[in-house]
Amino acid sequence: DKLFSAQEPKRIGIYGPPNAGKTTLANRIARDWTG
C-alpha cells in the first residue's frame, strides 16, 4: 500500500521578473529542508 500510494514529488516552478529574489527564495527553501 505504501509503495503504490507514494506520489511523485510535484514540480513547483518559481517564477517572476528578474531580480525579484527567486533564487534567494529557492536557496532559502532548499537550505532549510536539505542543507
All heavy atoms as atom14 arrays in JSON, in Angstrom:
{
  "sequence": "DKLFSAQEPKRIGIYGPPNAGKTTLANRIARDWTG",
  "atom14_mask": [
    [1, 1, 1, 1, 1, 1, 1, 1, 0, 0, 0, 0, 0, 0],
    [1, 1, 1, 1, 1, 1, 1, 1, 1, 0, 0, 0, 0, 0],
    [1, 1, 1, 1, 1, 1, 1, 1, 0, 0, 0, 0, 0, 0],
    [1, 1, 1, 1, 1, 1, 1, 1, 1, 1, 1, 0, 0, 0],
    [1, 1, 1, 1, 1, 1, 0, 0, 0, 0, 0, 0, 0, 0],
    [1, 1, 1, 1, 1, 0, 0, 0, 0, 0, 0, 0, 0, 0],
    [1, 1, 1, 1, 1, 1, 1, 1, 1, 0, 0, 0, 0, 0],
    [1, 1, 1, 1, 1, 1, 1, 1, 1, 0, 0, 0, 0, 0],
    [1, 1, 1, 1, 1, 1, 1, 0, 0, 0, 0, 0, 0, 0],
    [1, 1, 1, 1, 1, 1, 1, 1, 1, 0, 0, 0, 0, 0],
    [1, 1, 1, 1, 1, 1, 1, 1, 1, 1, 1, 0, 0, 0],
    [1, 1, 1, 1, 1, 1, 1, 1, 0, 0, 0, 0, 0, 0],
    [1, 1, 1, 1, 0, 0, 0, 0, 0, 0, 0, 0, 0, 0],
    [1, 1, 1, 1, 1, 1, 1, 1, 0, 0, 0, 0, 0, 0],
    [1, 1, 1, 1, 1, 1, 1, 1, 1, 1, 1, 1, 0, 0],
    [1, 1, 1, 1, 0, 0, 0, 0, 0, 0, 0, 0, 0, 0],
    [1, 1, 1, 1, 1, 1, 1, 0, 0, 0, 0, 0, 0, 0],
    [1, 1, 1, 1, 1, 1, 1, 0, 0, 0, 0, 0, 0, 0],
    [1, 1, 1, 1, 1, 1, 1, 1, 0, 0, 0, 0, 0, 0],
    [1, 1, 1, 1, 1, 0, 0, 0, 0, 0, 0, 0, 0, 0],
    [1, 1, 1, 1, 0, 0, 0, 0, 0, 0, 0, 0, 0, 0],
    [1, 1, 1, 1, 1, 1, 1, 1, 1, 0, 0, 0, 0, 0],
    [1, 1, 1, 1, 1, 1, 1, 0, 0, 0, 0, 0, 0, 0],
    [1, 1, 1, 1, 1, 1, 1, 0, 0, 0, 0, 0, 0, 0],
    [1, 1, 1, 1, 1, 1, 1, 1, 0, 0, 0, 0, 0, 0],
    [1, 1, 1, 1, 1, 0, 0, 0, 0, 0, 0, 0, 0, 0],
    [1, 1, 1, 1, 1, 1, 1, 1, 0, 0, 0, 0, 0, 0],
    [1, 1, 1, 1, 1, 1, 1, 1, 1, 1, 1, 0, 0, 0],
    [1, 1, 1, 1, 1, 1, 1, 1, 0, 0, 0, 0, 0, 0],
    [1, 1, 1, 1, 1, 0, 0, 0, 0, 0, 0, 0, 0, 0],
    [1, 1, 1, 1, 1, 1, 1, 1, 1, 1, 1, 0, 0, 0],
    [1, 1, 1, 1, 1, 1, 1, 1, 0, 0, 0, 0, 0, 0],
    [1, 1, 1, 1, 1, 1, 1, 1, 1, 1, 1, 1, 1, 1],
    [1, 1, 1, 1, 1, 1, 1, 0, 0, 0, 0, 0, 0, 0],
    [1, 1, 1, 1, 0, 0, 0, 0, 0, 0, 0, 0, 0, 0]
  ],
  "atom14_positions": [
    [[0.84, -1.21, 0.0], [0.0, 0.0, 0.0], [0.87, 1.25, 0.0], [0.57, 2.23, -0.68], [-0.93, 0.01, 1.22], [-2.03, -1.02, 1.11], [-2.25, -1.51, -0.01], [-2.66, -1.34, 2.14], [0.0, 0.0, 0.0], [0.0, 0.0, 0.0], [0.0, 0.0, 0.0], [0.0, 0.0, 0.0], [0.0, 0.0, 0.0], [0.0, 0.0, 0.0]],
    [[1.95, 1.21, 0.79], [2.84, 2.36, 0.87], [3.51, 2.63, -0.46], [3.64, 3.78, -0.9], [3.9, 2.13, 1.95], [4.78, 3.34, 2.2], [5.73, 3.09, 3.36], [6.59, 4.32, 3.61], [7.52, 4.11, 4.73], [0.0, 0.0, 0.0], [0.0, 0.0, 0.0], [0.0, 0.0, 0.0], [0.0, 0.0, 0.0], [0.0, 0.0, 0.0]],
    [[3.93, 1.57, -1.13], [4.61, 1.73, -2.41], [3.68, 2.32, -3.46], [4.07, 3.22, -4.22], [5.15, 0.37, -2.9], [6.38, -0.17, -2.18], [6.69, -1.59, -2.66], [7.59, 0.73, -2.42], [0.0, 0.0, 0.0], [0.0, 0.0, 0.0], [0.0, 0.0, 0.0], [0.0, 0.0, 0.0], [0.0, 0.0, 0.0], [0.0, 0.0, 0.0]],
    [[2.47, 1.82, -3.5], [1.56, 2.25, -4.56], [0.87, 3.57, -4.24], [0.36, 4.24, -5.13], [0.5, 1.17, -4.83], [1.04, 0.03, -5.67], [1.49, -1.13, -5.07], [1.13, 0.14, -7.04], [2.0, -2.18, -5.83], [1.64, -0.89, -7.82], [2.08, -2.06, -7.21], [0.0, 0.0, 0.0], [0.0, 0.0, 0.0], [0.0, 0.0, 0.0]],
    [[0.86, 3.95, -2.94], [0.23, 5.22, -2.59], [1.2, 6.39, -2.67], [0.8, 7.54, -2.68], [-0.35, 5.15, -1.17], [0.69, 4.96, -0.23], [0.0, 0.0, 0.0], [0.0, 0.0, 0.0], [0.0, 0.0, 0.0], [0.0, 0.0, 0.0], [0.0, 0.0, 0.0], [0.0, 0.0, 0.0], [0.0, 0.0, 0.0], [0.0, 0.0, 0.0]],
    [[2.51, 6.06, -2.7], [3.51, 7.12, -2.75], [3.39, 7.9, -4.07], [3.29, 7.32, -5.14], [4.91, 6.54, -2.63], [0.0, 0.0, 0.0], [0.0, 0.0, 0.0], [0.0, 0.0, 0.0], [0.0, 0.0, 0.0], [0.0, 0.0, 0.0], [0.0, 0.0, 0.0], [0.0, 0.0, 0.0], [0.0, 0.0, 0.0], [0.0, 0.0, 0.0]],
    [[3.38, 9.19, -3.97], [3.25, 10.03, -5.15], [4.6, 10.64, -5.52], [5.44, 10.87, -4.67], [2.23, 11.14, -4.91], [0.82, 10.63, -4.67], [-0.15, 11.77, -4.46], [0.25, 12.92, -4.26], [-1.43, 11.47, -4.51], [0.0, 0.0, 0.0], [0.0, 0.0, 0.0], [0.0, 0.0, 0.0], [0.0, 0.0, 0.0], [0.0, 0.0, 0.0]],
    [[4.76, 10.89, -6.8], [5.96, 11.57, -7.25], [5.95, 13.01, -6.72], [4.88, 13.62, -6.61], [6.01, 11.59, -8.78], [6.29, 10.24, -9.42], [7.69, 9.75, -9.14], [8.62, 10.57, -9.18], [7.85, 8.56, -8.84], [0.0, 0.0, 0.0], [0.0, 0.0, 0.0], [0.0, 0.0, 0.0], [0.0, 0.0, 0.0], [0.0, 0.0, 0.0]],
    [[7.1, 13.55, -6.38], [7.14, 14.95, -5.94], [6.56, 15.87, -7.0], [6.77, 15.67, -8.2], [8.64, 15.21, -5.74], [9.25, 13.86, -5.53], [8.43, 12.92, -6.37], [0.0, 0.0, 0.0], [0.0, 0.0, 0.0], [0.0, 0.0, 0.0], [0.0, 0.0, 0.0], [0.0, 0.0, 0.0], [0.0, 0.0, 0.0], [0.0, 0.0, 0.0]],
    [[5.83, 16.87, -6.58], [5.26, 17.82, -7.52], [6.31, 18.84, -7.92], [7.08, 19.32, -7.09], [4.06, 18.52, -6.89], [2.88, 17.59, -6.67], [1.68, 18.34, -6.13], [0.5, 17.39, -5.95], [-0.69, 18.08, -5.39], [0.0, 0.0, 0.0], [0.0, 0.0, 0.0], [0.0, 0.0, 0.0], [0.0, 0.0, 0.0], [0.0, 0.0, 0.0]],
    [[6.36, 19.15, -9.21], [7.31, 20.12, -9.72], [6.73, 21.53, -9.55], [5.73, 21.87, -10.18], [7.62, 19.86, -11.19], [8.33, 18.53, -11.44], [8.61, 18.32, -12.92], [7.38, 18.33, -13.7], [6.63, 17.25, -13.9], [6.97, 16.1, -13.39], [5.53, 17.35, -14.63], [0.0, 0.0, 0.0], [0.0, 0.0, 0.0], [0.0, 0.0, 0.0]],
    [[7.35, 22.31, -8.69], [6.87, 23.65, -8.39], [7.84, 24.66, -8.98], [8.99, 24.76, -8.55], [6.71, 23.87, -6.87], [5.83, 22.77, -6.26], [6.16, 25.26, -6.6], [4.44, 22.67, -6.87], [0.0, 0.0, 0.0], [0.0, 0.0, 0.0], [0.0, 0.0, 0.0], [0.0, 0.0, 0.0], [0.0, 0.0, 0.0], [0.0, 0.0, 0.0]],
    [[7.38, 25.4, -9.96], [8.21, 26.41, -10.61], [8.2, 27.72, -9.84], [7.14, 28.19, -9.43], [0.0, 0.0, 0.0], [0.0, 0.0, 0.0], [0.0, 0.0, 0.0], [0.0, 0.0, 0.0], [0.0, 0.0, 0.0], [0.0, 0.0, 0.0], [0.0, 0.0, 0.0], [0.0, 0.0, 0.0], [0.0, 0.0, 0.0], [0.0, 0.0, 0.0]],
    [[9.39, 28.28, -9.62], [9.5, 29.6, -9.01], [9.66, 30.61, -10.14], [10.67, 30.61, -10.85], [10.67, 29.66, -8.03], [10.46, 28.64, -6.89], [10.81, 31.06, -7.45], [11.55, 28.64, -5.84], [0.0, 0.0, 0.0], [0.0, 0.0, 0.0], [0.0, 0.0, 0.0], [0.0, 0.0, 0.0], [0.0, 0.0, 0.0], [0.0, 0.0, 0.0]],
    [[8.65, 31.44, -10.31], [8.59, 32.38, -11.44], [8.55, 33.82, -10.95], [8.28, 34.1, -9.78], [7.35, 32.1, -12.3], [7.56, 30.97, -13.28], [7.45, 29.65, -12.87], [7.91, 31.22, -14.6], [7.65, 28.6, -13.75], [8.11, 30.19, -15.5], [8.0, 28.89, -15.07], [8.22, 27.86, -15.94], [0.0, 0.0, 0.0], [0.0, 0.0, 0.0]],
    [[8.76, 34.73, -11.89], [8.68, 36.15, -11.61], [9.66, 36.92, -12.47], [10.43, 36.33, -13.24], [0.0, 0.0, 0.0], [0.0, 0.0, 0.0], [0.0, 0.0, 0.0], [0.0, 0.0, 0.0], [0.0, 0.0, 0.0], [0.0, 0.0, 0.0], [0.0, 0.0, 0.0], [0.0, 0.0, 0.0], [0.0, 0.0, 0.0], [0.0, 0.0, 0.0]],
    [[9.65, 38.23, -12.38], [10.56, 39.06, -13.17], [11.99, 38.96, -12.65], [12.23, 38.44, -11.55], [10.0, 40.47, -12.98], [9.27, 40.42, -11.68], [8.73, 39.03, -11.56], [0.0, 0.0, 0.0], [0.0, 0.0, 0.0], [0.0, 0.0, 0.0], [0.0, 0.0, 0.0], [0.0, 0.0, 0.0], [0.0, 0.0, 0.0], [0.0, 0.0, 0.0]],
    [[12.95, 39.45, -13.42], [14.35, 39.44, -12.96], [14.52, 40.23, -11.66], [13.85, 41.23, -11.43], [15.11, 40.11, -14.11], [14.24, 39.92, -15.31], [12.84, 39.96, -14.79], [0.0, 0.0, 0.0], [0.0, 0.0, 0.0], [0.0, 0.0, 0.0], [0.0, 0.0, 0.0], [0.0, 0.0, 0.0], [0.0, 0.0, 0.0], [0.0, 0.0, 0.0]],
    [[15.43, 39.74, -10.82], [15.8, 40.43, -9.57], [14.67, 40.53, -8.55], [14.69, 41.41, -7.69], [16.36, 41.82, -9.86], [17.86, 41.79, -10.11], [18.42, 40.73, -10.41], [18.51, 42.92, -9.99], [0.0, 0.0, 0.0], [0.0, 0.0, 0.0], [0.0, 0.0, 0.0], [0.0, 0.0, 0.0], [0.0, 0.0, 0.0], [0.0, 0.0, 0.0]],
    [[13.69, 39.64, -8.65], [12.61, 39.64, -7.65], [13.01, 38.85, -6.4], [12.35, 38.95, -5.37], [11.34, 39.05, -8.25], [0.0, 0.0, 0.0], [0.0, 0.0, 0.0], [0.0, 0.0, 0.0], [0.0, 0.0, 0.0], [0.0, 0.0, 0.0], [0.0, 0.0, 0.0], [0.0, 0.0, 0.0], [0.0, 0.0, 0.0], [0.0, 0.0, 0.0]],
    [[14.09, 38.06, -6.52], [14.54, 37.26, -5.39], [14.18, 35.79, -5.5], [14.09, 35.08, -4.5], [0.0, 0.0, 0.0], [0.0, 0.0, 0.0], [0.0, 0.0, 0.0], [0.0, 0.0, 0.0], [0.0, 0.0, 0.0], [0.0, 0.0, 0.0], [0.0, 0.0, 0.0], [0.0, 0.0, 0.0], [0.0, 0.0, 0.0], [0.0, 0.0, 0.0]],
    [[13.99, 35.3, -6.73], [13.57, 33.92, -6.94], [14.64, 32.92, -6.45], [14.32, 31.96, -5.75], [13.28, 33.68, -8.42], [12.13, 34.53, -8.96], [11.85, 34.25, -10.42], [13.02, 34.59, -11.33], [13.4, 36.03, -11.24], [0.0, 0.0, 0.0], [0.0, 0.0, 0.0], [0.0, 0.0, 0.0], [0.0, 0.0, 0.0], [0.0, 0.0, 0.0]],
    [[15.89, 33.15, -6.84], [16.94, 32.23, -6.44], [17.21, 32.33, -4.94], [17.5, 31.31, -4.29], [18.23, 32.5, -7.23], [17.97, 32.32, -8.63], [19.35, 31.55, -6.82], [0.0, 0.0, 0.0], [0.0, 0.0, 0.0], [0.0, 0.0, 0.0], [0.0, 0.0, 0.0], [0.0, 0.0, 0.0], [0.0, 0.0, 0.0], [0.0, 0.0, 0.0]],
    [[17.11, 33.53, -4.39], [17.26, 33.68, -2.94], [16.21, 32.85, -2.21], [16.5, 32.18, -1.2], [17.13, 35.16, -2.54], [18.12, 35.93, -3.25], [17.35, 35.34, -1.05], [0.0, 0.0, 0.0], [0.0, 0.0, 0.0], [0.0, 0.0, 0.0], [0.0, 0.0, 0.0], [0.0, 0.0, 0.0], [0.0, 0.0, 0.0], [0.0, 0.0, 0.0]],
    [[14.98, 32.88, -2.71], [13.91, 32.07, -2.12], [14.18, 30.59, -2.3], [14.05, 29.79, -1.37], [12.56, 32.43, -2.72], [11.39, 31.55, -2.26], [11.12, 31.75, -0.78], [10.14, 31.85, -3.09], [0.0, 0.0, 0.0], [0.0, 0.0, 0.0], [0.0, 0.0, 0.0], [0.0, 0.0, 0.0], [0.0, 0.0, 0.0], [0.0, 0.0, 0.0]],
    [[14.55, 30.19, -3.54], [14.83, 28.78, -3.81], [15.94, 28.27, -2.89], [15.85, 27.16, -2.34], [15.23, 28.59, -5.27], [0.0, 0.0, 0.0], [0.0, 0.0, 0.0], [0.0, 0.0, 0.0], [0.0, 0.0, 0.0], [0.0, 0.0, 0.0], [0.0, 0.0, 0.0], [0.0, 0.0, 0.0], [0.0, 0.0, 0.0], [0.0, 0.0, 0.0]],
    [[16.97, 29.07, -2.7], [18.07, 28.67, -1.81], [17.61, 28.61, -0.35], [18.04, 27.73, 0.39], [19.23, 29.65, -1.94], [20.03, 29.43, -3.2], [19.99, 28.38, -3.82], [20.78, 30.45, -3.62], [0.0, 0.0, 0.0], [0.0, 0.0, 0.0], [0.0, 0.0, 0.0], [0.0, 0.0, 0.0], [0.0, 0.0, 0.0], [0.0, 0.0, 0.0]],
    [[16.77, 29.54, 0.05], [16.25, 29.53, 1.42], [15.46, 28.24, 1.69], [15.66, 27.58, 2.72], [15.35, 30.75, 1.64], [14.56, 30.78, 2.94], [15.43, 30.98, 4.15], [16.12, 32.26, 4.1], [16.95, 32.68, 5.06], [17.19, 31.91, 6.11], [17.57, 33.85, 4.95], [0.0, 0.0, 0.0], [0.0, 0.0, 0.0], [0.0, 0.0, 0.0]],
    [[14.58, 27.88, 0.76], [13.8, 26.65, 0.92], [14.7, 25.43, 0.94], [14.58, 24.55, 1.8], [12.74, 26.53, -0.19], [11.73, 27.68, -0.1], [12.02, 25.19, -0.11], [10.77, 27.75, -1.27], [0.0, 0.0, 0.0], [0.0, 0.0, 0.0], [0.0, 0.0, 0.0], [0.0, 0.0, 0.0], [0.0, 0.0, 0.0], [0.0, 0.0, 0.0]],
    [[15.61, 25.37, -0.03], [16.49, 24.2, -0.15], [17.38, 24.06, 1.08], [17.56, 22.95, 1.6], [17.33, 24.31, -1.42], [0.0, 0.0, 0.0], [0.0, 0.0, 0.0], [0.0, 0.0, 0.0], [0.0, 0.0, 0.0], [0.0, 0.0, 0.0], [0.0, 0.0, 0.0], [0.0, 0.0, 0.0], [0.0, 0.0, 0.0], [0.0, 0.0, 0.0]],
    [[17.95, 25.16, 1.55], [18.84, 25.09, 2.72], [18.07, 24.71, 3.98], [18.56, 23.95, 4.81], [19.54, 26.43, 2.91], [20.63, 26.72, 1.87], [21.47, 27.92, 2.29], [22.51, 28.21, 1.32], [22.53, 29.27, 0.53], [21.54, 30.15, 0.61], [23.52, 29.47, -0.3], [0.0, 0.0, 0.0], [0.0, 0.0, 0.0], [0.0, 0.0, 0.0]],
    [[16.87, 25.25, 4.12], [16.07, 24.94, 5.32], [15.73, 23.47, 5.42], [15.67, 22.92, 6.52], [14.78, 25.77, 5.32], [15.0, 27.21, 5.77], [16.12, 27.53, 6.2], [14.04, 28.01, 5.67], [0.0, 0.0, 0.0], [0.0, 0.0, 0.0], [0.0, 0.0, 0.0], [0.0, 0.0, 0.0], [0.0, 0.0, 0.0], [0.0, 0.0, 0.0]],
    [[15.51, 22.82, 4.26], [14.99, 21.46, 4.3], [15.97, 20.4, 3.8], [15.74, 19.21, 4.01], [13.69, 21.38, 3.51], [12.63, 22.25, 4.1], [12.27, 23.5, 3.69], [11.83, 21.99, 5.26], [11.29, 24.01, 4.49], [11.0, 23.1, 5.48], [11.74, 20.89, 6.13], [10.09, 23.17, 6.53], [10.83, 20.95, 7.18], [10.02, 22.08, 7.38]],
    [[17.02, 20.81, 3.11], [18.0, 19.82, 2.62], [19.44, 20.17, 3.01], [20.32, 19.32, 2.93], [17.95, 19.67, 1.09], [18.51, 20.84, 0.46], [16.52, 19.47, 0.59], [0.0, 0.0, 0.0], [0.0, 0.0, 0.0], [0.0, 0.0, 0.0], [0.0, 0.0, 0.0], [0.0, 0.0, 0.0], [0.0, 0.0, 0.0], [0.0, 0.0, 0.0]],
    [[19.69, 21.43, 3.36], [21.04, 21.85, 3.69], [21.86, 22.29, 2.48], [22.99, 22.75, 2.63], [0.0, 0.0, 0.0], [0.0, 0.0, 0.0], [0.0, 0.0, 0.0], [0.0, 0.0, 0.0], [0.0, 0.0, 0.0], [0.0, 0.0, 0.0], [0.0, 0.0, 0.0], [0.0, 0.0, 0.0], [0.0, 0.0, 0.0], [0.0, 0.0, 0.0]]
  ]
}
